[in-house]
Amino acid sequence: GDGRTPGRFRATGIKPRCADKLMA
């Protein structure tokens, strides 16, 4: 945050390459 707004968690929009391995 910048002091006026609180910080927040955010997904970057990138799907991990390990997704197929996790699904399998």
mmCIF file of all heavy atoms, coordinates in Angstrom:
data_MODEL
# 
_entry.id   MODEL 
# 
loop_
_atom_site.group_PDB 
_atom_site.id 
_atom_site.type_symbol 
_atom_site.label_atom_id 
_atom_site.label_alt_id 
_atom_site.label_comp_id 
_atom_site.label_asym_id 
_atom_site.label_entity_id 
_atom_site.label_seq_id 
_atom_site.pdbx_PDB_ins_code 
_atom_site.Cartn_x 
_atom_site.Cartn_y 
_atom_site.Cartn_z 
_atom_site.occupancy 
_atom_site.B_iso_or_equiv 
_atom_site.pdbx_formal_charge 
_atom_site.auth_seq_id 
_atom_site.auth_comp_id 
_atom_site.auth_asym_id 
_atom_site.auth_atom_id 
_atom_site.pdbx_PDB_model_num 
ATOM 1   N N   . GLY A 1 1  ? 0.819  -1.195  0.000   1.00 0.00 ? 1  GLY A N   1 
ATOM 2   C CA  . GLY A 1 1  ? 0.000  0.000   0.000   1.00 0.00 ? 1  GLY A CA  1 
ATOM 3   C C   . GLY A 1 1  ? 0.860  1.254   0.000   1.00 0.00 ? 1  GLY A C   1 
ATOM 4   O O   . GLY A 1 1  ? 2.061  1.219   0.267   1.00 0.00 ? 1  GLY A O   1 
ATOM 5   N N   . ASP A 1 2  ? 0.255  2.394   -0.306  1.00 0.00 ? 2  ASP A N   1 
ATOM 6   C CA  . ASP A 1 2  ? 0.997  3.661   -0.344  1.00 0.00 ? 2  ASP A CA  1 
ATOM 7   C C   . ASP A 1 2  ? 0.738  4.538   0.873   1.00 0.00 ? 2  ASP A C   1 
ATOM 8   O O   . ASP A 1 2  ? 1.032  5.728   0.884   1.00 0.00 ? 2  ASP A O   1 
ATOM 9   C CB  . ASP A 1 2  ? 0.624  4.458   -1.607  1.00 0.00 ? 2  ASP A CB  1 
ATOM 10  C CG  . ASP A 1 2  ? -0.874 4.742   -1.715  1.00 0.00 ? 2  ASP A CG  1 
ATOM 11  O OD1 . ASP A 1 2  ? -1.623 4.398   -0.771  1.00 0.00 ? 2  ASP A OD1 1 
ATOM 12  O OD2 . ASP A 1 2  ? -1.294 5.307   -2.747  1.00 0.00 ? 2  ASP A OD2 1 
ATOM 13  N N   . GLY A 1 3  ? 0.196  3.918   1.941   1.00 0.00 ? 3  GLY A N   1 
ATOM 14  C CA  . GLY A 1 3  ? -0.130 4.692   3.132   1.00 0.00 ? 3  GLY A CA  1 
ATOM 15  C C   . GLY A 1 3  ? -1.587 5.093   3.182   1.00 0.00 ? 3  GLY A C   1 
ATOM 16  O O   . GLY A 1 3  ? -2.176 5.195   4.265   1.00 0.00 ? 3  GLY A O   1 
ATOM 17  N N   . ARG A 1 4  ? -2.170 5.341   2.009   1.00 0.00 ? 4  ARG A N   1 
ATOM 18  C CA  . ARG A 1 4  ? -3.596 5.665   1.941   1.00 0.00 ? 4  ARG A CA  1 
ATOM 19  C C   . ARG A 1 4  ? -4.431 4.432   1.635   1.00 0.00 ? 4  ARG A C   1 
ATOM 20  O O   . ARG A 1 4  ? -5.557 4.314   2.100   1.00 0.00 ? 4  ARG A O   1 
ATOM 21  C CB  . ARG A 1 4  ? -3.851 6.738   0.876   1.00 0.00 ? 4  ARG A CB  1 
ATOM 22  C CG  . ARG A 1 4  ? -3.261 8.106   1.229   1.00 0.00 ? 4  ARG A CG  1 
ATOM 23  C CD  . ARG A 1 4  ? -3.329 9.058   0.061   1.00 0.00 ? 4  ARG A CD  1 
ATOM 24  N NE  . ARG A 1 4  ? -2.466 8.617   -1.049  1.00 0.00 ? 4  ARG A NE  1 
ATOM 25  C CZ  . ARG A 1 4  ? -2.359 9.238   -2.208  1.00 0.00 ? 4  ARG A CZ  1 
ATOM 26  N NH1 . ARG A 1 4  ? -3.071 10.351  -2.411  1.00 0.00 ? 4  ARG A NH1 1 
ATOM 27  N NH2 . ARG A 1 4  ? -1.556 8.751   -3.155  1.00 0.00 ? 4  ARG A NH2 1 
ATOM 28  N N   . THR A 1 5  ? -3.870 3.529   0.843   1.00 0.00 ? 5  THR A N   1 
ATOM 29  C CA  . THR A 1 5  ? -4.563 2.282   0.520   1.00 0.00 ? 5  THR A CA  1 
ATOM 30  C C   . THR A 1 5  ? -3.785 1.101   1.095   1.00 0.00 ? 5  THR A C   1 
ATOM 31  O O   . THR A 1 5  ? -2.551 1.108   1.083   1.00 0.00 ? 5  THR A O   1 
ATOM 32  C CB  . THR A 1 5  ? -4.702 2.107   -1.008  1.00 0.00 ? 5  THR A CB  1 
ATOM 33  O OG1 . THR A 1 5  ? -3.382 2.149   -1.608  1.00 0.00 ? 5  THR A OG1 1 
ATOM 34  C CG2 . THR A 1 5  ? -5.556 3.204   -1.591  1.00 0.00 ? 5  THR A CG2 1 
ATOM 35  N N   . PRO A 1 6  ? -4.487 0.088   1.624   1.00 0.00 ? 6  PRO A N   1 
ATOM 36  C CA  . PRO A 1 6  ? -3.781 -1.073  2.201   1.00 0.00 ? 6  PRO A CA  1 
ATOM 37  C C   . PRO A 1 6  ? -3.149 -1.940  1.116   1.00 0.00 ? 6  PRO A C   1 
ATOM 38  O O   . PRO A 1 6  ? -3.549 -1.883  -0.059  1.00 0.00 ? 6  PRO A O   1 
ATOM 39  C CB  . PRO A 1 6  ? -4.906 -1.825  2.927   1.00 0.00 ? 6  PRO A CB  1 
ATOM 40  C CG  . PRO A 1 6  ? -6.160 -1.441  2.181   1.00 0.00 ? 6  PRO A CG  1 
ATOM 41  C CD  . PRO A 1 6  ? -5.947 -0.041  1.712   1.00 0.00 ? 6  PRO A CD  1 
ATOM 42  N N   . GLY A 1 7  ? -2.158 -2.730  1.502   1.00 0.00 ? 7  GLY A N   1 
ATOM 43  C CA  . GLY A 1 7  ? -1.561 -3.663  0.559   1.00 0.00 ? 7  GLY A CA  1 
ATOM 44  C C   . GLY A 1 7  ? -2.541 -4.788  0.232   1.00 0.00 ? 7  GLY A C   1 
ATOM 45  O O   . GLY A 1 7  ? -3.514 -5.014  0.941   1.00 0.00 ? 7  GLY A O   1 
ATOM 46  N N   . ARG A 1 8  ? -2.265 -5.492  -0.871  1.00 0.00 ? 8  ARG A N   1 
ATOM 47  C CA  . ARG A 1 8  ? -3.153 -6.595  -1.256  1.00 0.00 ? 8  ARG A CA  1 
ATOM 48  C C   . ARG A 1 8  ? -2.369 -7.678  -1.992  1.00 0.00 ? 8  ARG A C   1 
ATOM 49  O O   . ARG A 1 8  ? -1.352 -7.399  -2.639  1.00 0.00 ? 8  ARG A O   1 
ATOM 50  C CB  . ARG A 1 8  ? -4.297 -6.096  -2.141  1.00 0.00 ? 8  ARG A CB  1 
ATOM 51  C CG  . ARG A 1 8  ? -3.869 -5.626  -3.530  1.00 0.00 ? 8  ARG A CG  1 
ATOM 52  C CD  . ARG A 1 8  ? -5.036 -5.080  -4.332  1.00 0.00 ? 8  ARG A CD  1 
ATOM 53  N NE  . ARG A 1 8  ? -4.619 -4.727  -5.700  1.00 0.00 ? 8  ARG A NE  1 
ATOM 54  C CZ  . ARG A 1 8  ? -4.761 -5.526  -6.754  1.00 0.00 ? 8  ARG A CZ  1 
ATOM 55  N NH1 . ARG A 1 8  ? -5.310 -6.711  -6.609  1.00 0.00 ? 8  ARG A NH1 1 
ATOM 56  N NH2 . ARG A 1 8  ? -4.364 -5.137  -7.962  1.00 0.00 ? 8  ARG A NH2 1 
ATOM 57  N N   . PHE A 1 9  ? -2.860 -8.922  -1.872  1.00 0.00 ? 9  PHE A N   1 
ATOM 58  C CA  . PHE A 1 9  ? -2.295 -10.035 -2.625  1.00 0.00 ? 9  PHE A CA  1 
ATOM 59  C C   . PHE A 1 9  ? -2.894 -10.028 -4.030  1.00 0.00 ? 9  PHE A C   1 
ATOM 60  O O   . PHE A 1 9  ? -4.066 -9.699  -4.213  1.00 0.00 ? 9  PHE A O   1 
ATOM 61  C CB  . PHE A 1 9  ? -2.601 -11.370 -1.938  1.00 0.00 ? 9  PHE A CB  1 
ATOM 62  C CG  . PHE A 1 9  ? -2.040 -11.467 -0.547  1.00 0.00 ? 9  PHE A CG  1 
ATOM 63  C CD1 . PHE A 1 9  ? -2.862 -11.372 0.566   1.00 0.00 ? 9  PHE A CD1 1 
ATOM 64  C CD2 . PHE A 1 9  ? -0.684 -11.629 -0.355  1.00 0.00 ? 9  PHE A CD2 1 
ATOM 65  C CE1 . PHE A 1 9  ? -2.352 -11.446 1.843   1.00 0.00 ? 9  PHE A CE1 1 
ATOM 66  C CE2 . PHE A 1 9  ? -0.153 -11.709 0.932   1.00 0.00 ? 9  PHE A CE2 1 
ATOM 67  C CZ  . PHE A 1 9  ? -0.996 -11.609 2.020   1.00 0.00 ? 9  PHE A CZ  1 
ATOM 68  N N   . ARG A 1 10 ? -2.090 -10.419 -5.000  1.00 0.00 ? 10 ARG A N   1 
ATOM 69  C CA  . ARG A 1 10 ? -2.553 -10.367 -6.381  1.00 0.00 ? 10 ARG A CA  1 
ATOM 70  C C   . ARG A 1 10 ? -1.945 -11.497 -7.203  1.00 0.00 ? 10 ARG A C   1 
ATOM 71  O O   . ARG A 1 10 ? -0.744 -11.787 -7.084  1.00 0.00 ? 10 ARG A O   1 
ATOM 72  C CB  . ARG A 1 10 ? -2.168 -9.019  -6.999  1.00 0.00 ? 10 ARG A CB  1 
ATOM 73  C CG  . ARG A 1 10 ? -2.517 -8.844  -8.452  1.00 0.00 ? 10 ARG A CG  1 
ATOM 74  C CD  . ARG A 1 10 ? -2.191 -7.443  -8.924  1.00 0.00 ? 10 ARG A CD  1 
ATOM 75  N NE  . ARG A 1 10 ? -0.776 -7.137  -8.799  1.00 0.00 ? 10 ARG A NE  1 
ATOM 76  C CZ  . ARG A 1 10 ? 0.153  -7.465  -9.731  1.00 0.00 ? 10 ARG A CZ  1 
ATOM 77  N NH1 . ARG A 1 10 ? -0.205 -8.135  -10.835 1.00 0.00 ? 10 ARG A NH1 1 
ATOM 78  N NH2 . ARG A 1 10 ? 1.425  -7.125  -9.536  1.00 0.00 ? 10 ARG A NH2 1 
ATOM 79  N N   . ALA A 1 11 ? -2.779 -12.161 -8.008  1.00 0.00 ? 11 ALA A N   1 
ATOM 80  C CA  . ALA A 1 11 ? -2.275 -13.119 -8.988  1.00 0.00 ? 11 ALA A CA  1 
ATOM 81  C C   . ALA A 1 11 ? -1.718 -12.341 -10.169 1.00 0.00 ? 11 ALA A C   1 
ATOM 82  O O   . ALA A 1 11 ? -2.302 -11.341 -10.599 1.00 0.00 ? 11 ALA A O   1 
ATOM 83  C CB  . ALA A 1 11 ? -3.395 -14.046 -9.442  1.00 0.00 ? 11 ALA A CB  1 
ATOM 84  N N   . THR A 1 12 ? -0.591 -12.765 -10.701 1.00 0.00 ? 12 THR A N   1 
ATOM 85  C CA  . THR A 1 12 ? 0.047  -12.034 -11.798 1.00 0.00 ? 12 THR A CA  1 
ATOM 86  C C   . THR A 1 12 ? -0.616 -12.314 -13.142 1.00 0.00 ? 12 THR A C   1 
ATOM 87  O O   . THR A 1 12 ? -0.316 -11.644 -14.139 1.00 0.00 ? 12 THR A O   1 
ATOM 88  C CB  . THR A 1 12 ? 1.533  -12.402 -11.897 1.00 0.00 ? 12 THR A CB  1 
ATOM 89  O OG1 . THR A 1 12 ? 1.662  -13.811 -12.143 1.00 0.00 ? 12 THR A OG1 1 
ATOM 90  C CG2 . THR A 1 12 ? 2.251  -12.033 -10.592 1.00 0.00 ? 12 THR A CG2 1 
ATOM 91  N N   . GLY A 1 13 ? -1.503 -13.303 -13.193 1.00 0.00 ? 13 GLY A N   1 
ATOM 92  C CA  . GLY A 1 13 ? -2.154 -13.665 -14.451 1.00 0.00 ? 13 GLY A CA  1 
ATOM 93  C C   . GLY A 1 13 ? -1.413 -14.743 -15.219 1.00 0.00 ? 13 GLY A C   1 
ATOM 94  O O   . GLY A 1 13 ? -1.861 -15.168 -16.295 1.00 0.00 ? 13 GLY A O   1 
ATOM 95  N N   . ILE A 1 14 ? -0.285 -15.196 -14.696 1.00 0.00 ? 14 ILE A N   1 
ATOM 96  C CA  . ILE A 1 14 ? 0.506  -16.240 -15.359 1.00 0.00 ? 14 ILE A CA  1 
ATOM 97  C C   . ILE A 1 14 ? 0.097  -17.605 -14.820 1.00 0.00 ? 14 ILE A C   1 
ATOM 98  O O   . ILE A 1 14 ? 0.136  -17.828 -13.609 1.00 0.00 ? 14 ILE A O   1 
ATOM 99  C CB  . ILE A 1 14 ? 2.014  -16.010 -15.136 1.00 0.00 ? 14 ILE A CB  1 
ATOM 100 C CG1 . ILE A 1 14 ? 2.443  -14.662 -15.718 1.00 0.00 ? 14 ILE A CG1 1 
ATOM 101 C CG2 . ILE A 1 14 ? 2.823  -17.147 -15.739 1.00 0.00 ? 14 ILE A CG2 1 
ATOM 102 C CD1 . ILE A 1 14 ? 3.864  -14.277 -15.378 1.00 0.00 ? 14 ILE A CD1 1 
ATOM 103 N N   . LYS A 1 15 ? -0.289 -18.494 -15.706 1.00 0.00 ? 15 LYS A N   1 
ATOM 104 C CA  . LYS A 1 15 ? -0.589 -19.860 -15.291 1.00 0.00 ? 15 LYS A CA  1 
ATOM 105 C C   . LYS A 1 15 ? 0.718  -20.643 -15.223 1.00 0.00 ? 15 LYS A C   1 
ATOM 106 O O   . LYS A 1 15 ? 1.499  -20.640 -16.166 1.00 0.00 ? 15 LYS A O   1 
ATOM 107 C CB  . LYS A 1 15 ? -1.552 -20.527 -16.276 1.00 0.00 ? 15 LYS A CB  1 
ATOM 108 C CG  . LYS A 1 15 ? -2.047 -21.894 -15.805 1.00 0.00 ? 15 LYS A CG  1 
ATOM 109 C CD  . LYS A 1 15 ? -3.102 -22.459 -16.722 1.00 0.00 ? 15 LYS A CD  1 
ATOM 110 C CE  . LYS A 1 15 ? -3.606 -23.812 -16.228 1.00 0.00 ? 15 LYS A CE  1 
ATOM 111 N NZ  . LYS A 1 15 ? -4.660 -24.375 -17.103 1.00 0.00 ? 15 LYS A NZ  1 
ATOM 112 N N   . PRO A 1 16 ? 0.997  -21.305 -14.102 1.00 0.00 ? 16 PRO A N   1 
ATOM 113 C CA  . PRO A 1 16 ? 2.291  -21.982 -13.948 1.00 0.00 ? 16 PRO A CA  1 
ATOM 114 C C   . PRO A 1 16 ? 2.472  -23.134 -14.943 1.00 0.00 ? 16 PRO A C   1 
ATOM 115 O O   . PRO A 1 16 ? 1.504  -23.806 -15.319 1.00 0.00 ? 16 PRO A O   1 
ATOM 116 C CB  . PRO A 1 16 ? 2.248  -22.502 -12.504 1.00 0.00 ? 16 PRO A CB  1 
ATOM 117 C CG  . PRO A 1 16 ? 0.795  -22.557 -12.154 1.00 0.00 ? 16 PRO A CG  1 
ATOM 118 C CD  . PRO A 1 16 ? 0.137  -21.443 -12.913 1.00 0.00 ? 16 PRO A CD  1 
ATOM 119 N N   . ARG A 1 17 ? 3.711  -23.329 -15.348 1.00 0.00 ? 17 ARG A N   1 
ATOM 120 C CA  . ARG A 1 17 ? 4.024  -24.421 -16.275 1.00 0.00 ? 17 ARG A CA  1 
ATOM 121 C C   . ARG A 1 17 ? 3.809  -25.785 -15.634 1.00 0.00 ? 17 ARG A C   1 
ATOM 122 O O   . ARG A 1 17 ? 3.628  -26.775 -16.338 1.00 0.00 ? 17 ARG A O   1 
ATOM 123 C CB  . ARG A 1 17 ? 5.471  -24.299 -16.749 1.00 0.00 ? 17 ARG A CB  1 
ATOM 124 C CG  . ARG A 1 17 ? 5.736  -23.076 -17.620 1.00 0.00 ? 17 ARG A CG  1 
ATOM 125 C CD  . ARG A 1 17 ? 7.121  -23.139 -18.225 1.00 0.00 ? 17 ARG A CD  1 
ATOM 126 N NE  . ARG A 1 17 ? 7.450  -21.927 -18.971 1.00 0.00 ? 17 ARG A NE  1 
ATOM 127 C CZ  . ARG A 1 17 ? 8.584  -21.744 -19.625 1.00 0.00 ? 17 ARG A CZ  1 
ATOM 128 N NH1 . ARG A 1 17 ? 9.503  -22.713 -19.642 1.00 0.00 ? 17 ARG A NH1 1 
ATOM 129 N NH2 . ARG A 1 17 ? 8.820  -20.607 -20.258 1.00 0.00 ? 17 ARG A NH2 1 
ATOM 130 N N   . CYS A 1 18 ? 3.837  -25.826 -14.295 1.00 0.00 ? 18 CYS A N   1 
ATOM 131 C CA  . CYS A 1 18 ? 3.658  -27.091 -13.599 1.00 0.00 ? 18 CYS A CA  1 
ATOM 132 C C   . CYS A 1 18 ? 2.195  -27.520 -13.536 1.00 0.00 ? 18 CYS A C   1 
ATOM 133 O O   . CYS A 1 18 ? 1.872  -28.552 -12.944 1.00 0.00 ? 18 CYS A O   1 
ATOM 134 C CB  . CYS A 1 18 ? 4.217  -27.006 -12.173 1.00 0.00 ? 18 CYS A CB  1 
ATOM 135 S SG  . CYS A 1 18 ? 3.404  -25.741 -11.145 1.00 0.00 ? 18 CYS A SG  1 
ATOM 136 N N   . ALA A 1 19 ? 1.299  -26.740 -14.140 1.00 0.00 ? 19 ALA A N   1 
ATOM 137 C CA  . ALA A 1 19 ? -0.130 -27.017 -14.053 1.00 0.00 ? 19 ALA A CA  1 
ATOM 138 C C   . ALA A 1 19 ? -0.460 -28.417 -14.563 1.00 0.00 ? 19 ALA A C   1 
ATOM 139 O O   . ALA A 1 19 ? -1.238 -29.150 -13.942 1.00 0.00 ? 19 ALA A O   1 
ATOM 140 C CB  . ALA A 1 19 ? -0.920 -25.963 -14.819 1.00 0.00 ? 19 ALA A CB  1 
ATOM 141 N N   . ASP A 1 20 ? 0.133  -28.798 -15.688 1.00 0.00 ? 20 ASP A N   1 
ATOM 142 C CA  . ASP A 1 20 ? -0.146 -30.122 -16.262 1.00 0.00 ? 20 ASP A CA  1 
ATOM 143 C C   . ASP A 1 20 ? 0.305  -31.238 -15.327 1.00 0.00 ? 20 ASP A C   1 
ATOM 144 O O   . ASP A 1 20 ? -0.386 -32.254 -15.165 1.00 0.00 ? 20 ASP A O   1 
ATOM 145 C CB  . ASP A 1 20 ? 0.531  -30.265 -17.623 1.00 0.00 ? 20 ASP A CB  1 
ATOM 146 C CG  . ASP A 1 20 ? -0.081 -29.340 -18.678 1.00 0.00 ? 20 ASP A CG  1 
ATOM 147 O OD1 . ASP A 1 20 ? -1.252 -28.923 -18.491 1.00 0.00 ? 20 ASP A OD1 1 
ATOM 148 O OD2 . ASP A 1 20 ? 0.602  -29.026 -19.677 1.00 0.00 ? 20 ASP A OD2 1 
ATOM 149 N N   . LYS A 1 21 ? 1.479  -31.038 -14.710 1.00 0.00 ? 21 LYS A N   1 
ATOM 150 C CA  . LYS A 1 21 ? 1.994  -32.036 -13.782 1.00 0.00 ? 21 LYS A CA  1 
ATOM 151 C C   . LYS A 1 21 ? 1.066  -32.174 -12.571 1.00 0.00 ? 21 LYS A C   1 
ATOM 152 O O   . LYS A 1 21 ? 0.801  -33.288 -12.115 1.00 0.00 ? 21 LYS A O   1 
ATOM 153 C CB  . LYS A 1 21 ? 3.406  -31.654 -13.319 1.00 0.00 ? 21 LYS A CB  1 
ATOM 154 C CG  . LYS A 1 21 ? 4.033  -32.647 -12.342 1.00 0.00 ? 21 LYS A CG  1 
ATOM 155 C CD  . LYS A 1 21 ? 5.429  -32.212 -11.922 1.00 0.00 ? 21 LYS A CD  1 
ATOM 156 C CE  . LYS A 1 21 ? 6.011  -33.210 -10.902 1.00 0.00 ? 21 LYS A CE  1 
ATOM 157 N NZ  . LYS A 1 21 ? 7.382  -32.787 -10.465 1.00 0.00 ? 21 LYS A NZ  1 
ATOM 158 N N   . LEU A 1 22 ? 0.574  -31.054 -12.069 1.00 0.00 ? 22 LEU A N   1 
ATOM 159 C CA  . LEU A 1 22 ? -0.324 -31.079 -10.916 1.00 0.00 ? 22 LEU A CA  1 
ATOM 160 C C   . LEU A 1 22 ? -1.652 -31.739 -11.272 1.00 0.00 ? 22 LEU A C   1 
ATOM 161 O O   . LEU A 1 22 ? -2.204 -32.519 -10.487 1.00 0.00 ? 22 LEU A O   1 
ATOM 162 C CB  . LEU A 1 22 ? -0.560 -29.664 -10.392 1.00 0.00 ? 22 LEU A CB  1 
ATOM 163 C CG  . LEU A 1 22 ? 0.673  -28.954 -9.789  1.00 0.00 ? 22 LEU A CG  1 
ATOM 164 C CD1 . LEU A 1 22 ? 0.313  -27.528 -9.365  1.00 0.00 ? 22 LEU A CD1 1 
ATOM 165 C CD2 . LEU A 1 22 ? 1.216  -29.731 -8.601  1.00 0.00 ? 22 LEU A CD2 1 
ATOM 166 N N   . MET A 1 23 ? -2.166 -31.450 -12.456 1.00 0.00 ? 23 MET A N   1 
ATOM 167 C CA  . MET A 1 23 ? -3.422 -32.059 -12.889 1.00 0.00 ? 23 MET A CA  1 
ATOM 168 C C   . MET A 1 23 ? -3.258 -33.564 -13.054 1.00 0.00 ? 23 MET A C   1 
ATOM 169 O O   . MET A 1 23 ? -4.131 -34.355 -12.670 1.00 0.00 ? 23 MET A O   1 
ATOM 170 C CB  . MET A 1 23 ? -3.891 -31.427 -14.199 1.00 0.00 ? 23 MET A CB  1 
ATOM 171 C CG  . MET A 1 23 ? -4.299 -29.956 -14.085 1.00 0.00 ? 23 MET A CG  1 
ATOM 172 S SD  . MET A 1 23 ? -5.749 -29.699 -13.032 1.00 0.00 ? 23 MET A SD  1 
ATOM 173 C CE  . MET A 1 23 ? -7.031 -30.374 -14.090 1.00 0.00 ? 23 MET A CE  1 
ATOM 174 N N   . ALA A 1 24 ? -2.116 -33.978 -13.619 1.00 0.00 ? 24 ALA A N   1 
ATOM 175 C CA  . ALA A 1 24 ? -1.847 -35.402 -13.811 1.00 0.00 ? 24 ALA A CA  1 
ATOM 176 C C   . ALA A 1 24 ? -1.730 -36.135 -12.486 1.00 0.00 ? 24 ALA A C   1 
ATOM 177 O O   . ALA A 1 24 ? -2.088 -37.313 -12.375 1.00 0.00 ? 24 ALA A O   1 
ATOM 178 C CB  . ALA A 1 24 ? -0.573 -35.586 -14.628 1.00 0.00 ? 24 ALA A CB  1 
# 
